[in-house]
């Protein structure tokens, strides 16, 4: 097991320390792809609208019944924990649907996701293309974020499961890969981006260490 981390005073130090505990996190620093999509009320939302907020962004196919619902359950858990820390106004959750099927059916699925997973609409938005855009519009956005697609059934394409974390200047700072990352680690990282590394005391790192030790024990 890695040694207990020393209290950080920079984002880079925090990332190095958190990397010791979270094997599914990848810390990077690159511009996030731009997009202009619509929410479930057909109101436009663009990446520029999200500036000044920390953004947790994930991409799903609303008709895929295996990994995508599990992913959304993780997102709902992260959102609840983030909002409980008082960061509802500082953090935006964005989910993008890549469905190429009928427009109305996809919108119905999107609304059902929000209700079924009890996502807080105050800082969560489900985005999709407009009705007159090309059917692969959101797939192109997903590919710009680095996702690759495989056909798994007629009209259904699977892609990698990734949760992206974007800072207030529109740069991707982390990718949490798959479905096995610890939601608490993502929450801690979002908190650091929103409030600064000094927000994490040694007591917080002790809780991370305690969680990991118990997991491996």
Protein backbone atom coordinates (compact mmCIF):
# COMPACT_ATOMS: atom_id res chain seq x y z
CA UNK A 1 0.00 0.00 0.00
CA UNK A 2 1.22 3.56 -0.69
CA UNK A 3 2.24 5.69 2.25
CA UNK A 4 -0.15 8.13 3.85
CA UNK A 5 -0.18 11.33 1.75
CA UNK A 6 1.23 14.62 2.95
CA UNK A 7 -1.15 17.58 2.93
CA UNK A 8 -1.11 19.19 -0.52
CA UNK A 9 -0.71 22.85 -1.40
CA UNK A 10 -1.08 22.58 -5.17
CA UNK A 11 -3.44 20.93 -7.61
CA UNK A 12 -0.60 18.86 -9.04
CA UNK A 13 0.34 17.56 -5.59
CA UNK A 14 -3.28 16.68 -4.93
CA UNK A 15 -3.48 14.79 -8.22
CA UNK A 16 -0.32 12.83 -7.45
CA UNK A 17 -1.59 11.87 -4.02
CA UNK A 18 -5.08 10.95 -5.22
CA UNK A 19 -3.57 8.90 -8.05
CA UNK A 20 -2.01 6.62 -5.43
CA UNK A 21 -5.47 5.74 -4.15
CA UNK A 22 -7.63 5.83 -7.28
CA UNK A 23 -6.39 3.45 -9.97
CA UNK A 24 -9.18 4.41 -12.39
CA UNK A 25 -8.36 8.14 -12.44
CA UNK A 26 -6.34 9.72 -15.24
CA UNK A 27 -5.23 13.30 -14.63
CA UNK A 28 -4.62 15.40 -17.73
CA UNK A 29 -4.66 19.03 -18.81
CA UNK A 30 -6.12 19.70 -22.26
CA UNK A 31 -8.88 21.83 -23.81
CA UNK A 32 -12.34 20.28 -23.68
CA UNK A 33 -14.13 19.95 -27.04
CA UNK A 34 -16.74 22.61 -27.72
CA UNK A 35 -20.39 21.68 -28.25
CA UNK A 36 -23.79 23.29 -28.71
CA UNK A 37 -26.71 20.99 -27.92
CA UNK A 38 -30.23 21.09 -26.47
CA UNK A 39 -31.62 20.03 -23.11
CA UNK A 40 -34.82 18.03 -22.63
CA UNK A 41 -36.87 21.23 -22.99
CA UNK A 42 -35.17 21.92 -26.35
CA UNK A 43 -33.32 24.91 -24.92
CA UNK A 44 -29.80 25.43 -26.21
CA UNK A 45 -26.81 24.70 -23.98
CA UNK A 46 -23.26 25.24 -25.17
CA UNK A 47 -19.90 24.50 -23.62
CA UNK A 48 -19.31 28.25 -23.27
CA UNK A 49 -22.38 28.46 -20.99
CA UNK A 50 -20.56 26.26 -18.50
CA UNK A 51 -17.51 28.46 -18.04
CA UNK A 52 -16.82 29.47 -14.44
CA UNK A 53 -18.23 26.13 -13.24
CA UNK A 54 -16.57 22.81 -12.59
CA UNK A 55 -18.23 20.32 -14.95
CA UNK A 56 -18.72 16.58 -14.48
CA UNK A 57 -19.58 15.24 -17.93
CA UNK A 58 -20.57 11.74 -18.99
CA UNK A 59 -21.86 10.28 -22.24
CA UNK A 60 -24.40 7.47 -22.57
CA UNK A 61 -26.72 5.72 -25.02
CA UNK A 62 -30.16 6.00 -23.42
CA UNK A 63 -31.34 2.67 -24.89
CA UNK A 64 -28.32 0.65 -23.77
CA UNK A 65 -29.44 -1.25 -20.67
CA UNK A 66 -26.15 -2.59 -19.34
CA UNK A 67 -23.38 -0.16 -18.47
CA UNK A 68 -25.25 3.12 -19.00
CA UNK A 69 -27.77 2.79 -16.12
CA UNK A 70 -24.94 1.77 -13.78
CA UNK A 71 -22.95 4.79 -14.93
CA UNK A 72 -25.89 7.09 -14.25
CA UNK A 73 -26.31 5.62 -10.80
CA UNK A 74 -22.69 6.58 -10.08
CA UNK A 75 -23.29 10.08 -11.43
CA UNK A 76 -26.37 10.45 -9.22
CA UNK A 77 -24.34 9.40 -6.18
CA UNK A 78 -21.57 11.87 -7.01
CA UNK A 79 -24.08 14.67 -7.56
CA UNK A 80 -25.78 14.02 -4.23
CA UNK A 81 -22.46 14.10 -2.38
CA UNK A 82 -21.26 17.22 -4.20
CA UNK A 83 -24.51 19.06 -3.52
CA UNK A 84 -24.41 17.99 0.12
CA UNK A 85 -21.06 19.80 0.45
CA UNK A 86 -22.69 23.08 -0.59
CA UNK A 87 -21.27 23.17 -4.13
CA UNK A 88 -24.56 23.00 -6.05
CA UNK A 89 -23.96 26.47 -7.52
CA UNK A 90 -20.34 25.74 -8.44
CA UNK A 91 -20.59 22.35 -10.16
CA UNK A 92 -22.58 21.39 -13.26
CA UNK A 93 -23.40 17.82 -14.22
CA UNK A 94 -23.80 17.21 -17.96
CA UNK A 95 -24.98 13.97 -19.57
CA UNK A 96 -24.94 13.68 -23.37
CA UNK A 97 -27.05 11.08 -25.20
CA UNK A 98 -25.54 9.53 -28.34
CA UNK A 99 -28.71 7.78 -29.57
CA UNK A 100 -29.27 7.83 -33.33
CA UNK A 101 -32.83 6.45 -33.04
CA UNK A 102 -36.04 8.46 -33.17
CA UNK A 103 -35.85 11.90 -31.61
CA UNK A 104 -39.05 11.77 -29.53
CA UNK A 105 -38.22 8.37 -28.05
CA UNK A 106 -34.77 9.55 -27.04
CA UNK A 107 -36.24 12.60 -25.30
CA UNK A 108 -38.65 10.36 -23.39
CA UNK A 109 -35.76 8.15 -22.30
CA UNK A 110 -33.78 11.19 -21.18
CA UNK A 111 -36.63 12.46 -19.00
CA UNK A 112 -37.08 8.99 -17.51
CA UNK A 113 -33.39 8.86 -16.60
CA UNK A 114 -33.69 12.06 -14.62
CA UNK A 115 -36.72 10.78 -12.73
CA UNK A 116 -35.51 7.21 -12.18
CA UNK A 117 -32.14 8.25 -10.79
CA UNK A 118 -33.50 11.24 -8.84
CA UNK A 119 -30.98 13.63 -10.38
CA UNK A 120 -31.21 17.22 -9.15
CA UNK A 121 -32.23 19.44 -12.12
CA UNK A 122 -30.72 22.46 -10.36
CA UNK A 123 -27.26 21.46 -11.61
CA UNK A 124 -27.80 18.50 -13.95
CA UNK A 125 -28.63 18.75 -17.64
CA UNK A 126 -29.25 15.96 -20.15
CA UNK A 127 -28.25 17.11 -23.63
CA UNK A 128 -29.04 15.88 -27.12
CA UNK A 129 -29.08 17.19 -30.66
CA UNK A 130 -31.90 19.29 -32.07
CA UNK A 131 -34.51 17.52 -34.17
CA UNK A 132 -33.20 18.90 -37.46
CA UNK A 133 -29.53 18.05 -36.86
CA UNK A 134 -27.71 15.02 -38.23
CA UNK A 135 -28.36 11.83 -36.24
CA UNK A 136 -24.66 11.40 -35.48
CA UNK A 137 -24.22 14.91 -34.03
CA UNK A 138 -23.73 13.76 -30.45
CA UNK A 139 -21.67 10.78 -31.53
CA UNK A 140 -19.24 13.27 -33.07
CA UNK A 141 -19.13 15.12 -29.75
CA UNK A 142 -18.43 11.84 -27.95
CA UNK A 143 -15.63 11.00 -30.37
CA UNK A 144 -14.14 14.45 -29.81
CA UNK A 145 -13.98 13.52 -26.12
CA UNK A 146 -12.02 10.39 -27.06
CA UNK A 147 -14.74 7.72 -26.99
CA UNK A 148 -14.74 4.93 -29.57
CA UNK A 149 -17.90 3.11 -30.70
CA UNK A 150 -18.68 -0.56 -31.41
CA UNK A 151 -21.92 -1.94 -32.86
CA UNK A 152 -23.55 -4.26 -30.31
CA UNK A 153 -27.06 -4.54 -31.79
CA UNK A 154 -29.11 -3.06 -34.58
CA UNK A 155 -29.14 0.68 -34.03
CA UNK A 156 -27.21 0.39 -30.75
CA UNK A 157 -23.55 1.26 -30.35
CA UNK A 158 -21.51 0.81 -27.21
CA UNK A 159 -18.59 2.98 -26.18
CA UNK A 160 -16.16 3.25 -23.31
CA UNK A 161 -17.44 4.43 -19.94
CA UNK A 162 -15.67 7.62 -18.90
CA UNK A 163 -16.55 10.42 -16.48
CA UNK A 164 -14.83 13.66 -17.48
CA UNK A 165 -13.99 16.46 -15.04
CA UNK A 166 -13.58 19.92 -16.58
CA UNK A 167 -12.32 22.99 -14.75
CA UNK A 168 -13.68 26.53 -14.78
CA UNK A 169 -11.51 27.54 -17.74
CA UNK A 170 -12.85 24.75 -19.94
CA UNK A 171 -9.94 22.33 -19.65
CA UNK A 172 -10.31 18.60 -19.05
CA UNK A 173 -8.44 17.88 -15.83
CA UNK A 174 -9.38 14.27 -15.20
CA UNK A 175 -11.01 11.18 -16.63
CA UNK A 176 -12.42 8.55 -14.29
CA UNK A 177 -12.55 5.35 -16.32
CA UNK A 178 -15.12 2.58 -16.02
CA UNK A 179 -17.60 1.85 -13.25
CA UNK A 180 -15.34 0.83 -10.37
CA UNK A 181 -13.92 4.17 -9.29
CA UNK A 182 -14.71 5.37 -5.78
CA UNK A 183 -17.31 8.18 -6.05
CA UNK A 184 -15.81 9.81 -2.97
CA UNK A 185 -12.50 10.30 -4.79
CA UNK A 186 -14.25 12.11 -7.64
CA UNK A 187 -16.11 14.29 -5.14
CA UNK A 188 -12.84 15.22 -3.42
CA UNK A 189 -11.28 16.16 -6.74
CA UNK A 190 -14.26 18.29 -7.76
CA UNK A 191 -14.09 20.03 -4.40
CA UNK A 192 -10.41 20.82 -4.95
CA UNK A 193 -11.15 22.34 -8.37
CA UNK A 194 -14.05 24.36 -6.98
CA UNK A 195 -12.45 25.60 -3.76
CA UNK A 196 -8.70 25.04 -4.11
CA UNK A 197 -6.33 22.33 -2.77
CA UNK A 198 -6.24 23.90 0.68
CA UNK A 199 -9.84 22.75 1.16
CA UNK A 200 -8.62 19.19 1.80
CA UNK A 201 -7.22 18.78 5.29
CA UNK A 202 -5.06 15.91 6.44
CA UNK A 203 -8.21 14.51 8.02
CA UNK A 204 -9.79 14.15 4.60
CA UNK A 205 -6.77 12.25 3.31
CA UNK A 206 -6.92 10.04 6.40
CA UNK A 207 -10.51 9.14 5.49
CA UNK A 208 -9.42 8.28 1.93
CA UNK A 209 -6.65 6.09 3.31
CA UNK A 210 -9.04 4.41 5.75
CA UNK A 211 -11.49 3.65 2.91
CA UNK A 212 -8.80 2.17 0.69
CA UNK A 213 -7.22 0.10 3.46
CA UNK A 214 -10.62 -1.37 4.36
CA UNK A 215 -11.28 -2.13 0.69
CA UNK A 216 -8.07 -4.10 0.35
CA UNK A 217 -8.44 -5.77 3.73
